[in-house]
Amino acid sequence: MGNQNQLSTEIMQAMLTDFAKNWLAHDGLWFQAVERQFGIDKAIELDREAWERFTVIEAKRIMKRHNIPEQGGLEALKKALGFRLYAFINTQEIRNETESSFEFYMVDCRVQSARRRKNMTLFPCKSVGIVEYAGFARTIDSRIQTECIACPPDPEAGKEFYCGWRFFLE
């Protein structure tokens, strides 16, 4: 365990990327196993159920690690989104910021890019994404509302971005 102190920042960053890729690979393999056994609809249903709980755990850990206050509003959410596992392996952008809202786009998604390279249809992740992003935002600040701009299987998803979300305070 003591070897961690001697690792360079560069090695630590590479390991963090590896950890995120490994997590995503496990998530994908789990999903494919469930899909083979029970079909796509059941796999998506169980994926939603897992994400409903995981997104809260991830948000709470990020808040604790990075001293993000509860009910910290949209600024807290913007900060937290930058520390999600996805942030280390996907390309994401915040756009169209106002006092009461901002839009979050997954410009490049490892899962969807891989599917596209293999000439597969985009994975229809919208129902999972709604649970995931709304749950993450609500954990950061219970007042934040989440709206899907587009996410597969929406026809506009996969053109300029894979998924887009609008977060706002009413």
N, C-alpha and C. Protein backbone atom coordinates (compact mmCIF):
# COMPACT_ATOMS: atom_id res chain seq x y z
N MET A 1 0.82 -1.21 0.00
CA MET A 1 0.00 0.00 0.00
C MET A 1 0.86 1.26 0.00
N GLY A 2 2.05 1.22 0.50
CA GLY A 2 2.89 2.41 0.61
C GLY A 2 3.41 2.93 -0.71
N ASN A 3 3.36 2.14 -1.78
CA ASN A 3 3.89 2.55 -3.07
C ASN A 3 3.16 3.73 -3.69
N GLN A 4 1.92 3.96 -3.26
CA GLN A 4 1.12 5.04 -3.87
C GLN A 4 1.76 6.41 -3.70
N ASN A 5 2.51 6.62 -2.62
CA ASN A 5 3.14 7.91 -2.39
C ASN A 5 4.24 8.22 -3.40
N GLN A 6 4.82 7.19 -4.01
CA GLN A 6 5.91 7.40 -4.96
C GLN A 6 5.42 7.56 -6.41
N LEU A 7 4.13 7.43 -6.66
CA LEU A 7 3.62 7.53 -8.02
C LEU A 7 3.59 8.99 -8.47
N SER A 8 4.02 9.22 -9.70
CA SER A 8 4.00 10.59 -10.24
C SER A 8 2.56 11.00 -10.53
N THR A 9 2.35 12.29 -10.66
CA THR A 9 1.03 12.83 -11.02
C THR A 9 0.59 12.25 -12.36
N GLU A 10 1.53 12.14 -13.29
CA GLU A 10 1.23 11.61 -14.62
C GLU A 10 0.71 10.17 -14.53
N ILE A 11 1.38 9.35 -13.73
CA ILE A 11 0.97 7.95 -13.55
C ILE A 11 -0.40 7.91 -12.86
N MET A 12 -0.59 8.74 -11.86
CA MET A 12 -1.88 8.76 -11.14
C MET A 12 -3.01 9.15 -12.08
N GLN A 13 -2.78 10.13 -12.94
CA GLN A 13 -3.81 10.54 -13.90
C GLN A 13 -4.11 9.43 -14.89
N ALA A 14 -3.08 8.72 -15.34
CA ALA A 14 -3.27 7.61 -16.27
C ALA A 14 -4.06 6.49 -15.58
N MET A 15 -3.75 6.25 -14.30
CA MET A 15 -4.47 5.23 -13.55
C MET A 15 -5.95 5.61 -13.39
N LEU A 16 -6.20 6.88 -13.13
CA LEU A 16 -7.58 7.36 -12.99
C LEU A 16 -8.36 7.11 -14.28
N THR A 17 -7.73 7.38 -15.41
CA THR A 17 -8.37 7.11 -16.70
C THR A 17 -8.62 5.61 -16.86
N ASP A 18 -7.62 4.80 -16.48
CA ASP A 18 -7.79 3.34 -16.55
C ASP A 18 -8.94 2.88 -15.65
N PHE A 19 -9.02 3.42 -14.44
CA PHE A 19 -10.09 3.04 -13.52
C PHE A 19 -11.45 3.37 -14.13
N ALA A 20 -11.56 4.55 -14.72
CA ALA A 20 -12.83 4.95 -15.34
C ALA A 20 -13.18 4.03 -16.52
N LYS A 21 -12.18 3.70 -17.34
CA LYS A 21 -12.41 2.79 -18.47
C LYS A 21 -12.80 1.40 -17.98
N ASN A 22 -12.14 0.93 -16.93
CA ASN A 22 -12.46 -0.38 -16.36
C ASN A 22 -13.89 -0.41 -15.81
N TRP A 23 -14.27 0.65 -15.12
CA TRP A 23 -15.63 0.75 -14.59
C TRP A 23 -16.64 0.69 -15.73
N LEU A 24 -16.38 1.44 -16.78
CA LEU A 24 -17.30 1.47 -17.92
C LEU A 24 -17.35 0.12 -18.63
N ALA A 25 -16.20 -0.54 -18.75
CA ALA A 25 -16.16 -1.86 -19.38
C ALA A 25 -16.99 -2.85 -18.55
N HIS A 26 -16.84 -2.80 -17.24
CA HIS A 26 -17.62 -3.70 -16.38
C HIS A 26 -19.11 -3.42 -16.53
N ASP A 27 -19.48 -2.16 -16.55
CA ASP A 27 -20.88 -1.77 -16.71
C ASP A 27 -21.43 -2.34 -18.02
N GLY A 28 -20.66 -2.21 -19.09
CA GLY A 28 -21.09 -2.71 -20.39
C GLY A 28 -21.20 -4.22 -20.44
N LEU A 29 -20.23 -4.91 -19.84
CA LEU A 29 -20.25 -6.37 -19.82
C LEU A 29 -21.42 -6.89 -19.00
N TRP A 30 -21.68 -6.23 -17.87
CA TRP A 30 -22.83 -6.60 -17.04
C TRP A 30 -24.11 -6.45 -17.85
N PHE A 31 -24.24 -5.31 -18.52
CA PHE A 31 -25.44 -5.05 -19.31
C PHE A 31 -25.62 -6.11 -20.40
N GLN A 32 -24.55 -6.42 -21.12
CA GLN A 32 -24.64 -7.40 -22.20
C GLN A 32 -25.02 -8.79 -21.68
N ALA A 33 -24.52 -9.15 -20.51
CA ALA A 33 -24.87 -10.45 -19.92
C ALA A 33 -26.36 -10.50 -19.58
N VAL A 34 -26.87 -9.44 -19.00
CA VAL A 34 -28.30 -9.37 -18.66
C VAL A 34 -29.14 -9.37 -19.94
N GLU A 35 -28.69 -8.62 -20.95
CA GLU A 35 -29.41 -8.55 -22.22
C GLU A 35 -29.49 -9.94 -22.88
N ARG A 36 -28.36 -10.67 -22.89
CA ARG A 36 -28.35 -12.01 -23.47
C ARG A 36 -29.32 -12.95 -22.73
N GLN A 37 -29.34 -12.84 -21.42
CA GLN A 37 -30.16 -13.74 -20.59
C GLN A 37 -31.65 -13.37 -20.62
N PHE A 38 -31.94 -12.05 -20.55
CA PHE A 38 -33.32 -11.61 -20.34
C PHE A 38 -33.89 -10.68 -21.39
N GLY A 39 -33.06 -10.26 -22.37
CA GLY A 39 -33.55 -9.34 -23.41
C GLY A 39 -33.25 -7.89 -23.08
N ILE A 40 -33.32 -7.04 -24.11
CA ILE A 40 -32.94 -5.63 -23.98
C ILE A 40 -33.85 -4.86 -23.03
N ASP A 41 -35.15 -5.10 -23.06
CA ASP A 41 -36.07 -4.34 -22.21
C ASP A 41 -35.79 -4.58 -20.73
N LYS A 42 -35.58 -5.84 -20.37
CA LYS A 42 -35.28 -6.17 -18.97
C LYS A 42 -33.92 -5.60 -18.58
N ALA A 43 -32.94 -5.66 -19.48
CA ALA A 43 -31.61 -5.13 -19.20
C ALA A 43 -31.68 -3.62 -18.94
N ILE A 44 -32.44 -2.91 -19.76
CA ILE A 44 -32.59 -1.46 -19.56
C ILE A 44 -33.31 -1.17 -18.25
N GLU A 45 -34.34 -1.93 -17.94
CA GLU A 45 -35.07 -1.75 -16.68
C GLU A 45 -34.12 -1.92 -15.47
N LEU A 46 -33.32 -2.97 -15.49
CA LEU A 46 -32.39 -3.22 -14.38
C LEU A 46 -31.27 -2.19 -14.36
N ASP A 47 -30.83 -1.73 -15.53
CA ASP A 47 -29.82 -0.69 -15.63
C ASP A 47 -30.33 0.60 -14.99
N ARG A 48 -31.57 0.95 -15.30
CA ARG A 48 -32.19 2.15 -14.69
C ARG A 48 -32.19 2.04 -13.17
N GLU A 49 -32.58 0.85 -12.68
CA GLU A 49 -32.64 0.63 -11.24
C GLU A 49 -31.26 0.79 -10.59
N ALA A 50 -30.23 0.25 -11.24
CA ALA A 50 -28.87 0.38 -10.71
C ALA A 50 -28.40 1.83 -10.74
N TRP A 51 -28.67 2.53 -11.84
CA TRP A 51 -28.24 3.93 -11.97
C TRP A 51 -28.97 4.83 -10.98
N GLU A 52 -30.20 4.51 -10.68
CA GLU A 52 -30.97 5.31 -9.73
C GLU A 52 -30.24 5.39 -8.39
N ARG A 53 -29.61 4.30 -8.01
CA ARG A 53 -28.89 4.25 -6.74
C ARG A 53 -27.44 4.71 -6.89
N PHE A 54 -26.77 4.26 -7.98
CA PHE A 54 -25.36 4.60 -8.17
C PHE A 54 -25.14 6.10 -8.30
N THR A 55 -26.01 6.79 -9.03
CA THR A 55 -25.81 8.22 -9.29
C THR A 55 -25.83 9.02 -7.98
N VAL A 56 -26.63 8.58 -7.01
CA VAL A 56 -26.69 9.24 -5.70
C VAL A 56 -25.38 8.99 -4.94
N ILE A 57 -24.90 7.76 -4.97
CA ILE A 57 -23.64 7.42 -4.30
C ILE A 57 -22.50 8.24 -4.90
N GLU A 58 -22.43 8.28 -6.23
CA GLU A 58 -21.37 9.03 -6.90
C GLU A 58 -21.43 10.51 -6.54
N ALA A 59 -22.62 11.10 -6.58
CA ALA A 59 -22.78 12.52 -6.26
C ALA A 59 -22.34 12.81 -4.82
N LYS A 60 -22.77 11.98 -3.89
CA LYS A 60 -22.42 12.22 -2.47
C LYS A 60 -20.91 12.11 -2.24
N ARG A 61 -20.28 11.14 -2.90
CA ARG A 61 -18.82 11.00 -2.75
C ARG A 61 -18.09 12.19 -3.35
N ILE A 62 -18.54 12.65 -4.50
CA ILE A 62 -17.93 13.83 -5.13
C ILE A 62 -18.09 15.04 -4.22
N MET A 63 -19.28 15.22 -3.67
CA MET A 63 -19.53 16.37 -2.79
C MET A 63 -18.58 16.34 -1.59
N LYS A 64 -18.45 15.18 -1.00
CA LYS A 64 -17.59 15.05 0.20
C LYS A 64 -16.13 15.29 -0.16
N ARG A 65 -15.64 14.64 -1.21
CA ARG A 65 -14.23 14.74 -1.60
C ARG A 65 -13.85 16.16 -1.99
N HIS A 66 -14.75 16.88 -2.64
CA HIS A 66 -14.42 18.20 -3.18
C HIS A 66 -15.08 19.35 -2.42
N ASN A 67 -15.57 19.05 -1.22
CA ASN A 67 -16.18 20.08 -0.36
C ASN A 67 -17.25 20.89 -1.09
N ILE A 68 -18.12 20.20 -1.80
CA ILE A 68 -19.22 20.87 -2.50
C ILE A 68 -20.39 20.89 -1.53
N PRO A 69 -20.88 22.09 -1.21
CA PRO A 69 -21.95 22.18 -0.21
C PRO A 69 -23.29 21.62 -0.72
N GLU A 70 -24.09 21.09 0.21
CA GLU A 70 -25.45 20.67 -0.15
C GLU A 70 -26.23 21.92 -0.53
N GLN A 71 -27.21 21.74 -1.43
CA GLN A 71 -28.05 22.85 -1.90
C GLN A 71 -27.19 24.00 -2.45
N GLY A 72 -26.10 23.65 -3.12
CA GLY A 72 -25.17 24.65 -3.65
C GLY A 72 -25.56 25.21 -5.00
N GLY A 73 -26.74 24.83 -5.48
CA GLY A 73 -27.24 25.40 -6.73
C GLY A 73 -26.51 24.89 -7.96
N LEU A 74 -26.68 25.65 -9.04
CA LEU A 74 -26.14 25.24 -10.34
C LEU A 74 -24.62 25.25 -10.37
N GLU A 75 -23.98 26.15 -9.61
CA GLU A 75 -22.51 26.18 -9.57
C GLU A 75 -21.98 24.88 -8.97
N ALA A 76 -22.64 24.41 -7.92
CA ALA A 76 -22.22 23.14 -7.30
C ALA A 76 -22.39 21.99 -8.29
N LEU A 77 -23.47 22.00 -9.04
CA LEU A 77 -23.71 20.94 -10.02
C LEU A 77 -22.66 20.98 -11.12
N LYS A 78 -22.35 22.17 -11.63
CA LYS A 78 -21.33 22.29 -12.68
C LYS A 78 -20.00 21.71 -12.20
N LYS A 79 -19.63 22.05 -10.99
CA LYS A 79 -18.37 21.55 -10.42
C LYS A 79 -18.41 20.03 -10.30
N ALA A 80 -19.50 19.50 -9.75
CA ALA A 80 -19.63 18.06 -9.53
C ALA A 80 -19.60 17.27 -10.84
N LEU A 81 -20.24 17.79 -11.88
CA LEU A 81 -20.24 17.09 -13.18
C LEU A 81 -18.82 16.90 -13.71
N GLY A 82 -17.93 17.81 -13.37
CA GLY A 82 -16.54 17.72 -13.80
C GLY A 82 -15.74 16.64 -13.09
N PHE A 83 -16.29 16.09 -12.02
CA PHE A 83 -15.60 15.05 -11.25
C PHE A 83 -16.22 13.67 -11.39
N ARG A 84 -17.24 13.54 -12.24
CA ARG A 84 -17.83 12.22 -12.45
C ARG A 84 -16.83 11.33 -13.18
N LEU A 85 -16.98 10.03 -13.03
CA LEU A 85 -16.08 9.11 -13.73
C LEU A 85 -16.07 9.38 -15.23
N TYR A 86 -17.24 9.70 -15.80
CA TYR A 86 -17.35 10.00 -17.22
C TYR A 86 -16.41 11.11 -17.66
N ALA A 87 -16.22 12.09 -16.80
CA ALA A 87 -15.47 13.29 -17.16
C ALA A 87 -14.03 12.96 -17.55
N PHE A 88 -13.52 11.82 -17.09
CA PHE A 88 -12.14 11.45 -17.37
C PHE A 88 -11.98 10.71 -18.70
N ILE A 89 -13.10 10.26 -19.29
CA ILE A 89 -12.99 9.45 -20.51
C ILE A 89 -13.90 9.92 -21.64
N ASN A 90 -14.82 10.82 -21.35
CA ASN A 90 -15.72 11.36 -22.38
C ASN A 90 -15.43 12.85 -22.54
N THR A 91 -15.95 13.43 -23.60
CA THR A 91 -15.82 14.87 -23.80
C THR A 91 -17.17 15.50 -23.50
N GLN A 92 -17.20 16.37 -22.51
CA GLN A 92 -18.45 17.01 -22.13
C GLN A 92 -18.27 18.53 -22.09
N GLU A 93 -19.38 19.23 -22.34
CA GLU A 93 -19.34 20.70 -22.40
C GLU A 93 -20.55 21.28 -21.70
N ILE A 94 -20.33 22.44 -21.10
CA ILE A 94 -21.42 23.23 -20.52
C ILE A 94 -21.64 24.42 -21.46
N ARG A 95 -22.90 24.64 -21.84
CA ARG A 95 -23.24 25.71 -22.78
C ARG A 95 -24.47 26.48 -22.29
N ASN A 96 -24.68 27.62 -22.92
CA ASN A 96 -25.90 28.41 -22.72
C ASN A 96 -26.22 28.65 -21.24
N GLU A 97 -25.22 29.13 -20.51
CA GLU A 97 -25.41 29.39 -19.09
C GLU A 97 -26.19 30.67 -18.85
N THR A 98 -27.13 30.60 -17.94
CA THR A 98 -27.84 31.80 -17.47
C THR A 98 -27.80 31.74 -15.94
N GLU A 99 -28.43 32.72 -15.30
CA GLU A 99 -28.49 32.73 -13.83
C GLU A 99 -29.24 31.51 -13.30
N SER A 100 -30.23 31.05 -14.07
CA SER A 100 -31.11 30.00 -13.55
C SER A 100 -31.04 28.67 -14.30
N SER A 101 -30.10 28.57 -15.27
CA SER A 101 -30.01 27.31 -16.01
C SER A 101 -28.68 27.17 -16.74
N PHE A 102 -28.39 25.95 -17.16
CA PHE A 102 -27.30 25.69 -18.09
C PHE A 102 -27.59 24.39 -18.80
N GLU A 103 -26.91 24.21 -19.93
CA GLU A 103 -27.05 22.98 -20.70
C GLU A 103 -25.75 22.21 -20.62
N PHE A 104 -25.87 20.90 -20.53
CA PHE A 104 -24.73 20.00 -20.41
C PHE A 104 -24.79 19.02 -21.57
N TYR A 105 -23.70 18.92 -22.32
CA TYR A 105 -23.67 18.05 -23.49
C TYR A 105 -22.54 17.03 -23.39
N MET A 106 -22.86 15.79 -23.71
CA MET A 106 -21.86 14.74 -23.86
C MET A 106 -21.51 14.75 -25.34
N VAL A 107 -20.42 15.43 -25.66
CA VAL A 107 -20.02 15.62 -27.05
C VAL A 107 -19.43 14.33 -27.61
N ASP A 108 -18.62 13.67 -26.80
CA ASP A 108 -18.11 12.36 -27.21
C ASP A 108 -18.33 11.39 -26.06
N CYS A 109 -18.92 10.26 -26.38
CA CYS A 109 -19.25 9.23 -25.40
C CYS A 109 -18.57 7.94 -25.84
N ARG A 110 -17.74 7.36 -24.99
CA ARG A 110 -17.00 6.14 -25.36
C ARG A 110 -17.93 5.02 -25.81
N VAL A 111 -19.04 4.86 -25.10
CA VAL A 111 -19.98 3.78 -25.43
C VAL A 111 -20.55 4.00 -26.83
N GLN A 112 -21.08 5.18 -27.07
CA GLN A 112 -21.73 5.44 -28.35
C GLN A 112 -20.72 5.52 -29.50
N SER A 113 -19.55 6.09 -29.26
CA SER A 113 -18.51 6.16 -30.30
C SER A 113 -18.08 4.76 -30.72
N ALA A 114 -17.95 3.86 -29.76
CA ALA A 114 -17.56 2.48 -30.06
C ALA A 114 -18.64 1.81 -30.90
N ARG A 115 -19.90 2.04 -30.54
CA ARG A 115 -21.00 1.45 -31.31
C ARG A 115 -21.00 1.99 -32.75
N ARG A 116 -20.76 3.28 -32.87
CA ARG A 116 -20.74 3.89 -34.20
C ARG A 116 -19.60 3.31 -35.04
N ARG A 117 -18.41 3.13 -34.43
CA ARG A 117 -17.27 2.53 -35.15
C ARG A 117 -17.59 1.13 -35.64
N LYS A 118 -18.41 0.40 -34.89
CA LYS A 118 -18.78 -0.97 -35.25
C LYS A 118 -20.03 -1.01 -36.14
N ASN A 119 -20.46 0.18 -36.62
CA ASN A 119 -21.67 0.29 -37.45
C ASN A 119 -22.91 -0.27 -36.76
N MET A 120 -22.98 -0.08 -35.45
CA MET A 120 -24.16 -0.49 -34.69
C MET A 120 -25.04 0.73 -34.46
N THR A 121 -26.33 0.50 -34.22
CA THR A 121 -27.19 1.63 -33.88
C THR A 121 -26.77 2.15 -32.50
N LEU A 122 -27.04 3.42 -32.25
CA LEU A 122 -26.71 3.99 -30.95
C LEU A 122 -27.53 3.29 -29.86
N PHE A 123 -26.92 3.11 -28.72
CA PHE A 123 -27.61 2.48 -27.60
C PHE A 123 -28.71 3.43 -27.11
N PRO A 124 -29.95 2.95 -26.96
CA PRO A 124 -31.07 3.83 -26.54
C PRO A 124 -31.04 4.09 -25.04
N CYS A 125 -30.18 5.00 -24.63
CA CYS A 125 -29.92 5.21 -23.20
C CYS A 125 -30.79 6.29 -22.55
N LYS A 126 -31.72 6.87 -23.28
CA LYS A 126 -32.48 8.00 -22.75
C LYS A 126 -33.19 7.70 -21.43
N SER A 127 -33.88 6.58 -21.32
CA SER A 127 -34.63 6.31 -20.08
C SER A 127 -33.69 6.12 -18.90
N VAL A 128 -32.51 5.58 -19.15
CA VAL A 128 -31.50 5.44 -18.09
C VAL A 128 -30.91 6.82 -17.77
N GLY A 129 -30.61 7.57 -18.81
CA GLY A 129 -30.02 8.91 -18.64
C GLY A 129 -30.90 9.85 -17.84
N ILE A 130 -32.20 9.78 -18.06
CA ILE A 130 -33.13 10.64 -17.31
C ILE A 130 -33.01 10.35 -15.82
N VAL A 131 -33.02 9.07 -15.46
CA VAL A 131 -32.88 8.67 -14.06
C VAL A 131 -31.52 9.10 -13.52
N GLU A 132 -30.48 8.83 -14.30
CA GLU A 132 -29.10 9.13 -13.88
C GLU A 132 -28.88 10.62 -13.67
N TYR A 133 -29.14 11.43 -14.69
CA TYR A 133 -28.83 12.86 -14.59
C TYR A 133 -29.75 13.60 -13.63
N ALA A 134 -31.03 13.28 -13.64
CA ALA A 134 -31.96 13.93 -12.71
C ALA A 134 -31.60 13.56 -11.28
N GLY A 135 -31.26 12.30 -11.04
CA GLY A 135 -30.88 11.85 -9.70
C GLY A 135 -29.59 12.49 -9.23
N PHE A 136 -28.63 12.62 -10.12
CA PHE A 136 -27.35 13.26 -9.78
C PHE A 136 -27.60 14.72 -9.39
N ALA A 137 -28.33 15.43 -10.25
CA ALA A 137 -28.60 16.85 -9.99
C ALA A 137 -29.37 17.05 -8.69
N ARG A 138 -30.40 16.23 -8.46
CA ARG A 138 -31.21 16.33 -7.24
C ARG A 138 -30.39 16.06 -5.98
N THR A 139 -29.41 15.17 -6.09
CA THR A 139 -28.56 14.87 -4.94
C THR A 139 -27.68 16.08 -4.62
N ILE A 140 -27.19 16.75 -5.64
CA ILE A 140 -26.37 17.95 -5.44
C ILE A 140 -27.23 19.06 -4.83
N ASP A 141 -28.42 19.25 -5.37
CA ASP A 141 -29.34 20.30 -4.88
C ASP A 141 -30.76 19.87 -5.24
N SER A 142 -31.58 19.63 -4.25
CA SER A 142 -32.94 19.11 -4.46
C SER A 142 -33.84 20.05 -5.27
N ARG A 143 -33.42 21.30 -5.42
CA ARG A 143 -34.23 22.27 -6.18
C ARG A 143 -33.99 22.18 -7.69
N ILE A 144 -32.92 21.52 -8.09
CA ILE A 144 -32.55 21.49 -9.52
C ILE A 144 -33.46 20.54 -10.29
N GLN A 145 -34.00 21.06 -11.37
CA GLN A 145 -34.83 20.28 -12.29
C GLN A 145 -33.97 19.89 -13.50
N THR A 146 -34.30 18.75 -14.09
CA THR A 146 -33.54 18.24 -15.23
C THR A 146 -34.49 17.97 -16.39
N GLU A 147 -34.05 18.38 -17.56
CA GLU A 147 -34.83 18.18 -18.78
C GLU A 147 -33.89 17.60 -19.84
N CYS A 148 -34.35 16.60 -20.55
CA CYS A 148 -33.54 16.01 -21.62
C CYS A 148 -33.70 16.85 -22.88
N ILE A 149 -32.58 17.30 -23.44
CA ILE A 149 -32.59 18.02 -24.71
C ILE A 149 -32.69 16.99 -25.84
N ALA A 150 -31.82 15.99 -25.78
CA ALA A 150 -31.86 14.86 -26.72
C ALA A 150 -30.92 13.79 -26.22
N CYS A 151 -31.31 12.55 -26.46
CA CYS A 151 -30.52 11.40 -26.04
C CYS A 151 -31.00 10.21 -26.87
N PRO A 152 -30.10 9.34 -27.29
CA PRO A 152 -30.56 8.19 -28.08
C PRO A 152 -31.69 7.45 -27.36
N PRO A 153 -32.77 7.13 -28.06
CA PRO A 153 -32.92 7.02 -29.51
C PRO A 153 -33.45 8.27 -30.22
N ASP A 154 -33.46 9.44 -29.57
CA ASP A 154 -33.92 10.65 -30.26
C ASP A 154 -33.11 10.84 -31.54
N PRO A 155 -33.79 11.21 -32.65
CA PRO A 155 -33.08 11.33 -33.94
C PRO A 155 -31.97 12.38 -33.95
N GLU A 156 -32.10 13.45 -33.16
CA GLU A 156 -31.06 14.49 -33.17
C GLU A 156 -29.83 14.11 -32.35
N ALA A 157 -29.95 13.08 -31.51
CA ALA A 157 -28.81 12.61 -30.71
C ALA A 157 -27.82 11.90 -31.62
N GLY A 158 -26.54 12.15 -31.40
CA GLY A 158 -25.51 11.49 -32.20
C GLY A 158 -25.03 12.33 -33.37
N LYS A 159 -25.62 13.50 -33.56
CA LYS A 159 -25.15 14.37 -34.64
C LYS A 159 -24.05 15.28 -34.11
N GLU A 160 -24.41 16.33 -33.37
CA GLU A 160 -23.41 17.24 -32.80
C GLU A 160 -23.02 16.84 -31.38
N PHE A 161 -23.81 15.99 -30.77
CA PHE A 161 -23.55 15.51 -29.41
C PHE A 161 -24.32 14.22 -29.23
N TYR A 162 -23.93 13.44 -28.23
CA TYR A 162 -24.64 12.17 -27.99
C TYR A 162 -25.84 12.37 -27.07
N CYS A 163 -25.66 13.15 -26.02
CA CYS A 163 -26.83 13.48 -25.19
C CYS A 163 -26.68 14.89 -24.66
N GLY A 164 -27.81 15.52 -24.41
CA GLY A 164 -27.82 16.88 -23.90
C GLY A 164 -28.87 17.01 -22.82
N TRP A 165 -28.53 17.77 -21.78
CA TRP A 165 -29.40 17.92 -20.61
C TRP A 165 -29.45 19.38 -20.22
N ARG A 166 -30.62 19.84 -19.84
CA ARG A 166 -30.79 21.21 -19.35
C ARG A 166 -31.12 21.12 -17.87
N PHE A 167 -30.32 21.81 -17.07
CA PHE A 167 -30.55 21.86 -15.63
C PHE A 167 -30.99 23.27 -15.29
N PHE A 168 -32.02 23.36 -14.46
CA PHE A 168 -32.54 24.69 -14.13
C PHE A 168 -33.14 24.73 -12.73
N LEU A 169 -33.17 25.96 -12.21
CA LEU A 169 -33.82 26.25 -10.93
C LEU A 169 -35.03 27.09 -11.26
N GLU A 170 -36.18 26.69 -10.70
CA GLU A 170 -37.39 27.47 -10.97
C GLU A 170 -37.55 28.58 -9.95
